[in-house]
Amino acid sequence: MINIGLTPNVVLGILMTISGSLFYIVKITKPQISGTNDIFVITLNLIYSGIIIIHGWRLDPILLFSQYIIVTIVMFFTIDNINLKNQILLVKRRKQRKYGQQKRREYLEQ
C-alpha cells in the first residue's frame, strides 16, 4: 500500500525532486561546468525523493526534522558547488583569452 498525501515528507520529496531537476537543467544548459559525477548525484537525488515521498509517512517528527536539516545543507552545498564551477569556467576563459592575445601579438611582431 502506498500512502501519499500532502504531508511534510511529501513537501520534502517534492523539494528534492525540483532541486534534482534544476541540477539536471544546469547540466544540460551548461555542460562545460558539469562534472562526470553529476549524473550520479542527480540520480541519487531523485531516488531519495521518491523514497521520502512513498515511505516518508513512517518518519517520526525528530527524524523528519533531521531530514529537513540534511536537505537544506545539501542544497546550500549544491548551489555553492555550481557557483564555484561557474567561477572556475570564467577564470579558464580569461586565461584562454589572455593566452590567445599574447600569441596574436607575438605573431604580429614577427
PDB file of N, CA and C in Angstrom:
ATOM      1  N   MET A   1       0.835  -1.171   0.000  1.00  0.00           N
ATOM      2  CA  MET A   1       0.000   0.000   0.000  1.00  0.00           C
ATOM      3  C   MET A   1       0.885   1.241   0.000  1.00  0.00           C
ATOM      4  N   ILE A   2       0.561   2.191  -0.821  1.00  0.00           N
ATOM      5  CA  ILE A   2       1.296   3.449  -0.889  1.00  0.00           C
ATOM      6  C   ILE A   2       0.386   4.547  -0.340  1.00  0.00           C
ATOM      7  N   ASN A   3       0.867   5.222   0.673  1.00  0.00           N
ATOM      8  CA  ASN A   3       0.090   6.282   1.305  1.00  0.00           C
ATOM      9  C   ASN A   3       0.718   7.627   0.941  1.00  0.00           C
ATOM     10  N   ILE A   4       0.084   8.381   0.055  1.00  0.00           N
ATOM     11  CA  ILE A   4       0.614   9.672  -0.356  1.00  0.00           C
ATOM     12  C   ILE A   4      -0.443  10.736  -0.097  1.00  0.00           C
ATOM     13  N   GLY A   5      -0.103  11.711   0.709  1.00  0.00           N
ATOM     14  CA  GLY A   5      -0.956  12.862   0.971  1.00  0.00           C
ATOM     15  C   GLY A   5      -0.062  14.075   1.067  1.00  0.00           C
ATOM     16  N   LEU A   6      -0.625  15.227   1.250  1.00  0.00           N
ATOM     17  CA  LEU A   6       0.209  16.433   1.351  1.00  0.00           C
ATOM     18  C   LEU A   6       0.687  16.582   2.793  1.00  0.00           C
ATOM     19  N   THR A   7       1.712  15.858   3.114  1.00  0.00           N
ATOM     20  CA  THR A   7       2.319  15.880   4.440  1.00  0.00           C
ATOM     21  C   THR A   7       3.725  16.461   4.311  1.00  0.00           C
ATOM     22  N   PRO A   8       4.382  16.744   5.430  1.00  0.00           N
ATOM     23  CA  PRO A   8       5.729  17.334   5.349  1.00  0.00           C
ATOM     24  C   PRO A   8       6.732  16.482   4.568  1.00  0.00           C
ATOM     25  N   ASN A   9       6.607  15.173   4.642  1.00  0.00           N
ATOM     26  CA  ASN A   9       7.543  14.334   3.890  1.00  0.00           C
ATOM     27  C   ASN A   9       7.338  14.477   2.386  1.00  0.00           C
ATOM     28  N   VAL A  10       6.097  14.669   1.939  1.00  0.00           N
ATOM     29  CA  VAL A  10       5.836  14.862   0.509  1.00  0.00           C
ATOM     30  C   VAL A  10       6.394  16.205   0.060  1.00  0.00           C
ATOM     31  N   VAL A  11       6.247  17.228   0.902  1.00  0.00           N
ATOM     32  CA  VAL A  11       6.816  18.543   0.580  1.00  0.00           C
ATOM     33  C   VAL A  11       8.332  18.429   0.446  1.00  0.00           C
ATOM     34  N   LEU A  12       8.953  17.691   1.364  1.00  0.00           N
ATOM     35  CA  LEU A  12      10.405  17.481   1.302  1.00  0.00           C
ATOM     36  C   LEU A  12      10.795  16.726   0.034  1.00  0.00           C
ATOM     37  N   GLY A  13      10.045  15.693  -0.310  1.00  0.00           N
ATOM     38  CA  GLY A  13      10.335  14.928  -1.522  1.00  0.00           C
ATOM     39  C   GLY A  13      10.162  15.753  -2.785  1.00  0.00           C
ATOM     40  N   ILE A  14       9.111  16.570  -2.821  1.00  0.00           N
ATOM     41  CA  ILE A  14       8.897  17.438  -3.987  1.00  0.00           C
ATOM     42  C   ILE A  14      10.019  18.467  -4.092  1.00  0.00           C
ATOM     43  N   LEU A  15      10.453  19.005  -2.960  1.00  0.00           N
ATOM     44  CA  LEU A  15      11.554  19.968  -2.944  1.00  0.00           C
ATOM     45  C   LEU A  15      12.833  19.336  -3.486  1.00  0.00           C
ATOM     46  N   MET A  16      13.095  18.096  -3.090  1.00  0.00           N
ATOM     47  CA  MET A  16      14.284  17.412  -3.586  1.00  0.00           C
ATOM     48  C   MET A  16      14.156  17.067  -5.076  1.00  0.00           C
ATOM     49  N   THR A  17      12.951  16.723  -5.521  1.00  0.00           N
ATOM     50  CA  THR A  17      12.740  16.449  -6.936  1.00  0.00           C
ATOM     51  C   THR A  17      12.985  17.698  -7.771  1.00  0.00           C
ATOM     52  N   ILE A  18      12.492  18.830  -7.288  1.00  0.00           N
ATOM     53  CA  ILE A  18      12.699  20.093  -8.001  1.00  0.00           C
ATOM     54  C   ILE A  18      14.178  20.449  -8.041  1.00  0.00           C
ATOM     55  N   SER A  19      14.881  20.280  -6.916  1.00  0.00           N
ATOM     56  CA  SER A  19      16.308  20.624  -6.899  1.00  0.00           C
ATOM     57  C   SER A  19      17.111  19.695  -7.809  1.00  0.00           C
ATOM     58  N   GLY A  20      16.768  18.403  -7.831  1.00  0.00           N
ATOM     59  CA  GLY A  20      17.449  17.483  -8.738  1.00  0.00           C
ATOM     60  C   GLY A  20      17.191  17.822 -10.191  1.00  0.00           C
ATOM     61  N   SER A  21      15.955  18.229 -10.482  1.00  0.00           N
ATOM     62  CA  SER A  21      15.620  18.624 -11.849  1.00  0.00           C
ATOM     63  C   SER A  21      16.371  19.887 -12.256  1.00  0.00           C
ATOM     64  N   LEU A  22      16.476  20.848 -11.342  1.00  0.00           N
ATOM     65  CA  LEU A  22      17.222  22.072 -11.637  1.00  0.00           C
ATOM     66  C   LEU A  22      18.701  21.776 -11.869  1.00  0.00           C
ATOM     67  N   PHE A  23      19.245  20.864 -11.071  1.00  0.00           N
ATOM     68  CA  PHE A  23      20.639  20.474 -11.242  1.00  0.00           C
ATOM     69  C   PHE A  23      20.840  19.804 -12.597  1.00  0.00           C
ATOM     70  N   TYR A  24      19.857  19.015 -13.038  1.00  0.00           N
ATOM     71  CA  TYR A  24      19.928  18.376 -14.356  1.00  0.00           C
ATOM     72  C   TYR A  24      19.812  19.416 -15.466  1.00  0.00           C
ATOM     73  N   ILE A  25      18.974  20.426 -15.271  1.00  0.00           N
ATOM     74  CA  ILE A  25      18.841  21.501 -16.259  1.00  0.00           C
ATOM     75  C   ILE A  25      20.163  22.253 -16.399  1.00  0.00           C
ATOM     76  N   VAL A  26      20.840  22.492 -15.267  1.00  0.00           N
ATOM     77  CA  VAL A  26      22.161  23.142 -15.325  1.00  0.00           C
ATOM     78  C   VAL A  26      23.128  22.254 -16.099  1.00  0.00           C
ATOM     79  N   LYS A  27      23.061  20.946 -15.895  1.00  0.00           N
ATOM     80  CA  LYS A  27      23.942  20.027 -16.613  1.00  0.00           C
ATOM     81  C   LYS A  27      23.689  20.083 -18.118  1.00  0.00           C
ATOM     82  N   ILE A  28      22.429  20.238 -18.529  1.00  0.00           N
ATOM     83  CA  ILE A  28      22.103  20.289 -19.951  1.00  0.00           C
ATOM     84  C   ILE A  28      22.468  21.644 -20.549  1.00  0.00           C
ATOM     85  N   THR A  29      22.133  22.743 -19.857  1.00  0.00           N
ATOM     86  CA  THR A  29      22.345  24.069 -20.433  1.00  0.00           C
ATOM     87  C   THR A  29      23.801  24.505 -20.399  1.00  0.00           C
ATOM     88  N   LYS A  30      24.551  24.096 -19.395  1.00  0.00           N
ATOM     89  CA  LYS A  30      25.972  24.457 -19.294  1.00  0.00           C
ATOM     90  C   LYS A  30      26.802  23.189 -19.103  1.00  0.00           C
ATOM     91  N   PRO A  31      27.007  22.417 -20.154  1.00  0.00           N
ATOM     92  CA  PRO A  31      27.751  21.167 -19.989  1.00  0.00           C
ATOM     93  C   PRO A  31      29.220  21.382 -19.632  1.00  0.00           C
ATOM     94  N   GLN A  32      29.737  22.577 -19.897  1.00  0.00           N
ATOM     95  CA  GLN A  32      31.150  22.826 -19.591  1.00  0.00           C
ATOM     96  C   GLN A  32      31.408  22.916 -18.085  1.00  0.00           C
ATOM     97  N   ILE A  33      30.386  23.175 -17.276  1.00  0.00           N
ATOM     98  CA  ILE A  33      30.613  23.233 -15.833  1.00  0.00           C
ATOM     99  C   ILE A  33      30.172  21.962 -15.132  1.00  0.00           C
ATOM    100  N   SER A  34      29.611  21.017 -15.860  1.00  0.00           N
ATOM    101  CA  SER A  34      29.168  19.783 -15.218  1.00  0.00           C
ATOM    102  C   SER A  34      30.323  18.796 -15.160  1.00  0.00           C
ATOM    103  N   GLY A  35      30.357  18.071 -14.064  1.00  0.00           N
ATOM    104  CA  GLY A  35      31.404  17.081 -13.879  1.00  0.00           C
ATOM    105  C   GLY A  35      30.938  15.696 -14.283  1.00  0.00           C
ATOM    106  N   THR A  36      31.826  14.726 -14.127  1.00  0.00           N
ATOM    107  CA  THR A  36      31.487  13.360 -14.517  1.00  0.00           C
ATOM    108  C   THR A  36      30.559  12.697 -13.508  1.00  0.00           C
ATOM    109  N   ASN A  37      30.575  13.150 -12.263  1.00  0.00           N
ATOM    110  CA  ASN A  37      29.752  12.516 -11.239  1.00  0.00           C
ATOM    111  C   ASN A  37      28.419  13.228 -11.015  1.00  0.00           C
ATOM    112  N   ASP A  38      28.106  14.228 -11.799  1.00  0.00           N
ATOM    113  CA  ASP A  38      26.862  14.968 -11.601  1.00  0.00           C
ATOM    114  C   ASP A  38      25.632  14.114 -11.881  1.00  0.00           C
ATOM    115  N   ILE A  39      25.677  13.266 -12.891  1.00  0.00           N
ATOM    116  CA  ILE A  39      24.521  12.429 -13.202  1.00  0.00           C
ATOM    117  C   ILE A  39      24.278  11.423 -12.085  1.00  0.00           C
ATOM    118  N   PHE A  40      25.338  10.973 -11.432  1.00  0.00           N
ATOM    119  CA  PHE A  40      25.208  10.067 -10.285  1.00  0.00           C
ATOM    120  C   PHE A  40      24.506  10.775  -9.133  1.00  0.00           C
ATOM    121  N   VAL A  41      24.895  12.009  -8.855  1.00  0.00           N
ATOM    122  CA  VAL A  41      24.272  12.788  -7.778  1.00  0.00           C
ATOM    123  C   VAL A  41      22.811  13.071  -8.103  1.00  0.00           C
ATOM    124  N   ILE A  42      22.516  13.393  -9.352  1.00  0.00           N
ATOM    125  CA  ILE A  42      21.139  13.665  -9.761  1.00  0.00           C
ATOM    126  C   ILE A  42      20.280  12.409  -9.586  1.00  0.00           C
ATOM    127  N   THR A  43      20.810  11.261  -9.978  1.00  0.00           N
ATOM    128  CA  THR A  43      20.063  10.012  -9.841  1.00  0.00           C
ATOM    129  C   THR A  43      19.792   9.683  -8.387  1.00  0.00           C
ATOM    130  N   LEU A  44      20.802   9.828  -7.542  1.00  0.00           N
ATOM    131  CA  LEU A  44      20.602   9.584  -6.114  1.00  0.00           C
ATOM    132  C   LEU A  44      19.592  10.551  -5.519  1.00  0.00           C
ATOM    133  N   ASN A  45      19.615  11.790  -5.976  1.00  0.00           N
ATOM    134  CA  ASN A  45      18.661  12.793  -5.511  1.00  0.00           C
ATOM    135  C   ASN A  45      17.237  12.368  -5.842  1.00  0.00           C
ATOM    136  N   LEU A  46      17.007  11.907  -7.068  1.00  0.00           N
ATOM    137  CA  LEU A  46      15.664  11.501  -7.477  1.00  0.00           C
ATOM    138  C   LEU A  46      15.222  10.215  -6.774  1.00  0.00           C
ATOM    139  N   ILE A  47      16.137   9.285  -6.551  1.00  0.00           N
ATOM    140  CA  ILE A  47      15.796   8.075  -5.795  1.00  0.00           C
ATOM    141  C   ILE A  47      15.429   8.436  -4.362  1.00  0.00           C
ATOM    142  N   TYR A  48      16.224   9.313  -3.741  1.00  0.00           N
ATOM    143  CA  TYR A  48      15.943   9.745  -2.376  1.00  0.00           C
ATOM    144  C   TYR A  48      14.581  10.421  -2.288  1.00  0.00           C
ATOM    145  N   SER A  49      14.269  11.293  -3.233  1.00  0.00           N
ATOM    146  CA  SER A  49      12.988  11.994  -3.175  1.00  0.00           C
ATOM    147  C   SER A  49      11.829  11.019  -3.354  1.00  0.00           C
ATOM    148  N   GLY A  50      11.978  10.030  -4.208  1.00  0.00           N
ATOM    149  CA  GLY A  50      10.928   9.024  -4.363  1.00  0.00           C
ATOM    150  C   GLY A  50      10.703   8.220  -3.097  1.00  0.00           C
ATOM    151  N   ILE A  51      11.794   7.837  -2.440  1.00  0.00           N
ATOM    152  CA  ILE A  51      11.673   7.080  -1.191  1.00  0.00           C
ATOM    153  C   ILE A  51      11.007   7.935  -0.118  1.00  0.00           C
ATOM    154  N   ILE A  52      11.391   9.193  -0.011  1.00  0.00           N
ATOM    155  CA  ILE A  52      10.789  10.066   1.005  1.00  0.00           C
ATOM    156  C   ILE A  52       9.308  10.291   0.714  1.00  0.00           C
ATOM    157  N   ILE A  53       8.934  10.441  -0.546  1.00  0.00           N
ATOM    158  CA  ILE A  53       7.521  10.648  -0.872  1.00  0.00           C
ATOM    159  C   ILE A  53       6.702   9.395  -0.550  1.00  0.00           C
ATOM    160  N   ILE A  54       7.213   8.228  -0.919  1.00  0.00           N
ATOM    161  CA  ILE A  54       6.430   6.999  -0.751  1.00  0.00           C
ATOM    162  C   ILE A  54       6.461   6.482   0.689  1.00  0.00           C
ATOM    163  N   HIS A  55       7.631   6.471   1.312  1.00  0.00           N
ATOM    164  CA  HIS A  55       7.754   5.864   2.635  1.00  0.00           C
ATOM    165  C   HIS A  55       7.974   6.874   3.759  1.00  0.00           C
ATOM    166  N   GLY A  56       7.861   8.143   3.479  1.00  0.00           N
ATOM    167  CA  GLY A  56       8.134   9.154   4.491  1.00  0.00           C
ATOM    168  C   GLY A  56       7.093   9.238   5.584  1.00  0.00           C
ATOM    169  N   TRP A  57       5.912   8.667   5.366  1.00  0.00           N
ATOM    170  CA  TRP A  57       4.880   8.727   6.395  1.00  0.00           C
ATOM    171  C   TRP A  57       5.284   7.953   7.637  1.00  0.00           C
ATOM    172  N   ARG A  58       6.301   7.118   7.525  1.00  0.00           N
ATOM    173  CA  ARG A  58       6.774   6.344   8.676  1.00  0.00           C
ATOM    174  C   ARG A  58       7.722   7.143   9.573  1.00  0.00           C
ATOM    175  N   LEU A  59       8.167   8.291   9.099  1.00  0.00           N
ATOM    176  CA  LEU A  59       9.152   9.056   9.862  1.00  0.00           C
ATOM    177  C   LEU A  59       8.501   9.724  11.075  1.00  0.00           C
ATOM    178  N   ASP A  60       9.181   9.626  12.207  1.00  0.00           N
ATOM    179  CA  ASP A  60       8.712  10.378  13.375  1.00  0.00           C
ATOM    180  C   ASP A  60       9.197  11.818  13.247  1.00  0.00           C
ATOM    181  N   PRO A  61       8.660  12.747  14.022  1.00  0.00           N
ATOM    182  CA  PRO A  61       8.987  14.179  13.831  1.00  0.00           C
ATOM    183  C   PRO A  61      10.474  14.517  13.953  1.00  0.00           C
ATOM    184  N   ILE A  62      11.189  13.880  14.856  1.00  0.00           N
ATOM    185  CA  ILE A  62      12.621  14.180  15.019  1.00  0.00           C
ATOM    186  C   ILE A  62      13.391  13.729  13.782  1.00  0.00           C
ATOM    187  N   LEU A  63      13.091  12.560  13.278  1.00  0.00           N
ATOM    188  CA  LEU A  63      13.778  12.058  12.091  1.00  0.00           C
ATOM    189  C   LEU A  63      13.435  12.909  10.872  1.00  0.00           C
ATOM    190  N   LEU A  64      12.190  13.347  10.751  1.00  0.00           N
ATOM    191  CA  LEU A  64      11.797  14.211   9.644  1.00  0.00           C
ATOM    192  C   LEU A  64      12.515  15.559   9.731  1.00  0.00           C
ATOM    193  N   PHE A  65      12.647  16.094  10.945  1.00  0.00           N
ATOM    194  CA  PHE A  65      13.385  17.352  11.126  1.00  0.00           C
ATOM    195  C   PHE A  65      14.850  17.184  10.735  1.00  0.00           C
ATOM    196  N   SER A  66      15.445  16.042  11.087  1.00  0.00           N
ATOM    197  CA  SER A  66      16.846  15.807  10.697  1.00  0.00           C
ATOM    198  C   SER A  66      16.964  15.698   9.176  1.00  0.00           C
ATOM    199  N   GLN A  67      15.960  15.127   8.513  1.00  0.00           N
ATOM    200  CA  GLN A  67      15.979  15.062   7.053  1.00  0.00           C
ATOM    201  C   GLN A  67      15.881  16.457   6.443  1.00  0.00           C
ATOM    202  N   TYR A  68      15.065  17.332   7.033  1.00  0.00           N
ATOM    203  CA  TYR A  68      14.987  18.711   6.557  1.00  0.00           C
ATOM    204  C   TYR A  68      16.332  19.417   6.695  1.00  0.00           C
ATOM    205  N   ILE A  69      16.996  19.200   7.806  1.00  0.00           N
ATOM    206  CA  ILE A  69      18.308  19.832   8.013  1.00  0.00           C
ATOM    207  C   ILE A  69      19.317  19.312   6.992  1.00  0.00           C
ATOM    208  N   ILE A  70      19.333  18.007   6.769  1.00  0.00           N
ATOM    209  CA  ILE A  70      20.266  17.426   5.800  1.00  0.00           C
ATOM    210  C   ILE A  70      19.990  17.952   4.395  1.00  0.00           C
ATOM    211  N   VAL A  71      18.711  18.016   4.019  1.00  0.00           N
ATOM    212  CA  VAL A  71      18.352  18.507   2.690  1.00  0.00           C
ATOM    213  C   VAL A  71      18.755  19.966   2.527  1.00  0.00           C
ATOM    214  N   THR A  72      18.564  20.775   3.553  1.00  0.00           N
ATOM    215  CA  THR A  72      18.959  22.189   3.494  1.00  0.00           C
ATOM    216  C   THR A  72      20.467  22.313   3.292  1.00  0.00           C
ATOM    217  N   ILE A  73      21.227  21.539   4.041  1.00  0.00           N
ATOM    218  CA  ILE A  73      22.685  21.574   3.910  1.00  0.00           C
ATOM    219  C   ILE A  73      23.109  21.139   2.500  1.00  0.00           C
ATOM    220  N   VAL A  74      22.502  20.080   1.990  1.00  0.00           N
ATOM    221  CA  VAL A  74      22.844  19.591   0.656  1.00  0.00           C
ATOM    222  C   VAL A  74      22.510  20.631  -0.405  1.00  0.00           C
ATOM    223  N   MET A  75      21.383  21.301  -0.269  1.00  0.00           N
ATOM    224  CA  MET A  75      21.012  22.323  -1.262  1.00  0.00           C
ATOM    225  C   MET A  75      21.989  23.491  -1.245  1.00  0.00           C
ATOM    226  N   PHE A  76      22.392  23.942  -0.054  1.00  0.00           N
ATOM    227  CA  PHE A  76      23.362  25.033   0.006  1.00  0.00           C
ATOM    228  C   PHE A  76      24.698  24.620  -0.596  1.00  0.00           C
ATOM    229  N   PHE A  77      25.139  23.387  -0.326  1.00  0.00           N
ATOM    230  CA  PHE A  77      26.388  22.922  -0.919  1.00  0.00           C
ATOM    231  C   PHE A  77      26.272  22.758  -2.429  1.00  0.00           C
ATOM    232  N   THR A  78      25.101  22.350  -2.919  1.00  0.00           N
ATOM    233  CA  THR A  78      24.906  22.229  -4.360  1.00  0.00           C
ATOM    234  C   THR A  78      24.976  23.587  -5.037  1.00  0.00           C
ATOM    235  N   ILE A  79      24.310  24.574  -4.448  1.00  0.00           N
ATOM    236  CA  ILE A  79      24.359  25.933  -5.004  1.00  0.00           C
ATOM    237  C   ILE A  79      25.789  26.455  -4.988  1.00  0.00           C
ATOM    238  N   ASP A  80      26.501  26.232  -3.887  1.00  0.00           N
ATOM    239  CA  ASP A  80      27.884  26.687  -3.785  1.00  0.00           C
ATOM    240  C   ASP A  80      28.765  25.957  -4.808  1.00  0.00           C
ATOM    241  N   ASN A  81      28.521  24.676  -5.007  1.00  0.00           N
ATOM    242  CA  ASN A  81      29.288  23.895  -5.978  1.00  0.00           C
ATOM    243  C   ASN A  81      29.075  24.426  -7.392  1.00  0.00           C
ATOM    244  N   ILE A  82      27.838  24.719  -7.745  1.00  0.00           N
ATOM    245  CA  ILE A  82      27.551  25.258  -9.079  1.00  0.00           C
ATOM    246  C   ILE A  82      28.208  26.614  -9.262  1.00  0.00           C
ATOM    247  N   ASN A  83      28.145  27.466  -8.243  1.00  0.00           N
ATOM    248  CA  ASN A  83      28.792  28.784  -8.333  1.00  0.00           C
ATOM    249  C   ASN A  83      30.307  28.659  -8.486  1.00  0.00           C
ATOM    250  N   LEU A  84      30.918  27.748  -7.738  1.00  0.00           N
ATOM    251  CA  LEU A  84      32.370  27.563  -7.854  1.00  0.00           C
ATOM    252  C   LEU A  84      32.767  27.026  -9.228  1.00  0.00           C
ATOM    253  N   LYS A  85      31.976  26.089  -9.754  1.00  0.00           N
ATOM    254  CA  LYS A  85      32.270  25.576 -11.097  1.00  0.00           C
ATOM    255  C   LYS A  85      32.141  26.680 -12.142  1.00  0.00           C
ATOM    256  N   ASN A  86      31.164  27.554 -11.976  1.00  0.00           N
ATOM    257  CA  ASN A  86      30.989  28.666 -12.900  1.00  0.00           C
ATOM    258  C   ASN A  86      32.164  29.639 -12.814  1.00  0.00           C
ATOM    259  N   GLN A  87      32.645  29.918 -11.600  1.00  0.00           N
ATOM    260  CA  GLN A  87      33.797  30.806 -11.440  1.00  0.00           C
ATOM    261  C   GLN A  87      35.051  30.193 -12.048  1.00  0.00           C
ATOM    262  N   ILE A  88      35.236  28.894 -11.885  1.00  0.00           N
ATOM    263  CA  ILE A  88      36.389  28.217 -12.492  1.00  0.00           C
ATOM    264  C   ILE A  88      36.322  28.321 -14.008  1.00  0.00           C
ATOM    265  N   LEU A  89      35.132  28.152 -14.567  1.00  0.00           N
ATOM    266  CA  LEU A  89      34.957  28.285 -16.009  1.00  0.00           C
ATOM    267  C   LEU A  89      35.302  29.692 -16.475  1.00  0.00           C
ATOM    268  N   LEU A  90      34.880  30.712 -15.730  1.00  0.00           N
ATOM    269  CA  LEU A  90      35.195  32.094 -16.103  1.00  0.00           C
ATOM    270  C   LEU A  90      36.697  32.364 -16.055  1.00  0.00           C
ATOM    271  N   VAL A  91      37.375  31.831 -15.047  1.00  0.00           N
ATOM    272  CA  VAL A  91      38.825  32.007 -14.949  1.00  0.00           C
ATOM    273  C   VAL A  91      39.532  31.318 -16.118  1.00  0.00           C
ATOM    274  N   LYS A  92      39.074  30.123 -16.485  1.00  0.00           N
ATOM    275  CA  LYS A  92      39.674  29.428 -17.627  1.00  0.00           C
ATOM    276  C   LYS A  92      39.481  30.212 -18.916  1.00  0.00           C
ATOM    277  N   ARG A  93      38.303  30.795 -19.099  1.00  0.00           N
ATOM    278  CA  ARG A  93      38.055  31.587 -20.305  1.00  0.00           C
ATOM    279  C   ARG A  93      38.933  32.819 -20.345  1.00  0.00           C
ATOM    280  N   ARG A  94      39.121  33.474 -19.197  1.00  0.00           N
ATOM    281  CA  ARG A  94      40.005  34.654 -19.154  1.00  0.00           C
ATOM    282  C   ARG A  94      41.433  34.267 -19.500  1.00  0.00           C
ATOM    283  N   LYS A  95      41.909  33.146 -18.957  1.00  0.00           N
ATOM    284  CA  LYS A  95      43.268  32.701 -19.254  1.00  0.00           C
ATOM    285  C   LYS A  95      43.423  32.355 -20.726  1.00  0.00           C
ATOM    286  N   GLN A  96      42.420  31.698 -21.301  1.00  0.00           N
ATOM    287  CA  GLN A  96      42.486  31.367 -22.725  1.00  0.00           C
ATOM    288  C   GLN A  96      42.486  32.629 -23.577  1.00  0.00           C
ATOM    289  N   ARG A  97      41.670  33.597 -23.209  1.00  0.00           N
ATOM    290  CA  ARG A  97      41.620  34.855 -23.960  1.00  0.00           C
ATOM    291  C   ARG A  97      42.946  35.596 -23.851  1.00  0.00           C
ATOM    292  N   LYS A  98      43.517  35.610 -22.637  1.00  0.00           N
ATOM    293  CA  LYS A  98      44.794  36.290 -22.427  1.00  0.00           C
ATOM    294  C   LYS A  98      45.899  35.580 -23.202  1.00  0.00           C
ATOM    295  N   TYR A  99      45.894  34.240 -23.176  1.00  0.00           N
ATOM    296  CA  TYR A  99      46.893  33.472 -23.901  1.00  0.00           C
ATOM    297  C   TYR A  99      46.746  33.689 -25.408  1.00  0.00           C
ATOM    298  N   GLY A 100      45.517  33.747 -25.892  1.00  0.00           N
ATOM    299  CA  GLY A 100      45.281  33.982 -27.315  1.00  0.00           C
ATOM    300  C   GLY A 100      45.747  35.359 -27.745  1.00  0.00           C
ATOM    301  N   GLN A 101      45.559  36.377 -26.898  1.00  0.00           N
ATOM    302  CA  GLN A 101      46.013  37.730 -27.231  1.00  0.00           C
ATOM    303  C   GLN A 101      47.527  37.790 -27.268  1.00  0.00           C
ATOM    304  N   GLN A 102      48.196  37.088 -26.343  1.00  0.00           N
ATOM    305  CA  GLN A 102      49.657  37.072 -26.344  1.00  0.00           C
ATOM    306  C   GLN A 102      50.189  36.400 -27.608  1.00  0.00           C
ATOM    307  N   LYS A 103      49.578  35.299 -27.996  1.00  0.00           N
ATOM    308  CA  LYS A 103      50.009  34.608 -29.207  1.00  0.00           C
ATOM    309  C   LYS A 103      49.791  35.480 -30.437  1.00  0.00           C
ATOM    310  N   ARG A 104      48.680  36.222 -30.461  1.00  0.00           N
ATOM    311  CA  ARG A 104      48.380  37.100 -31.595  1.00  0.00           C
ATOM    312  C   ARG A 104      49.421  38.219 -31.677  1.00  0.00           C
ATOM    313  N   ARG A 105      49.806  38.805 -30.517  1.00  0.00           N
ATOM    314  CA  ARG A 105      50.825  39.863 -30.515  1.00  0.00           C
ATOM    315  C   ARG A 105      52.166  39.326 -31.006  1.00  0.00           C
ATOM    316  N   GLU A 106      52.545  38.134 -30.531  1.00  0.00           N
ATOM    317  CA  GLU A 106      53.815  37.548 -30.964  1.00  0.00           C
ATOM    318  C   GLU A 106      53.803  37.282 -32.478  1.00  0.00           C
ATOM    319  N   TYR A 107      52.688  36.857 -32.988  1.00  0.00           N
ATOM    320  CA  TYR A 107      52.582  36.592 -34.414  1.00  0.00           C
ATOM    321  C   TYR A 107      52.691  37.881 -35.213  1.00  0.00           C
ATOM    322  N   LEU A 108      52.049  38.949 -34.716  1.00  0.00           N
ATOM    323  CA  LEU A 108      52.092  40.230 -35.427  1.00  0.00           C
ATOM    324  C   LEU A 108      53.469  40.884 -35.341  1.00  0.00           C
ATOM    325  N   GLU A 109      54.202  40.620 -34.279  1.00  0.00           N
ATOM    326  CA  GLU A 109      55.545  41.205 -34.116  1.00  0.00           C
ATOM    327  C   GLU A 109      56.555  40.541 -35.041  1.00  0.00           C
ATOM    328  N   GLN A 110      56.294  39.341 -35.485  1.00  0.00           N
ATOM    329  CA  GLN A 110      57.261  38.628 -36.323  1.00  0.00           C
ATOM    330  C   GLN A 110      57.312  39.175 -37.691  1.00  0.00           C
TER     331      GLN A 110
END
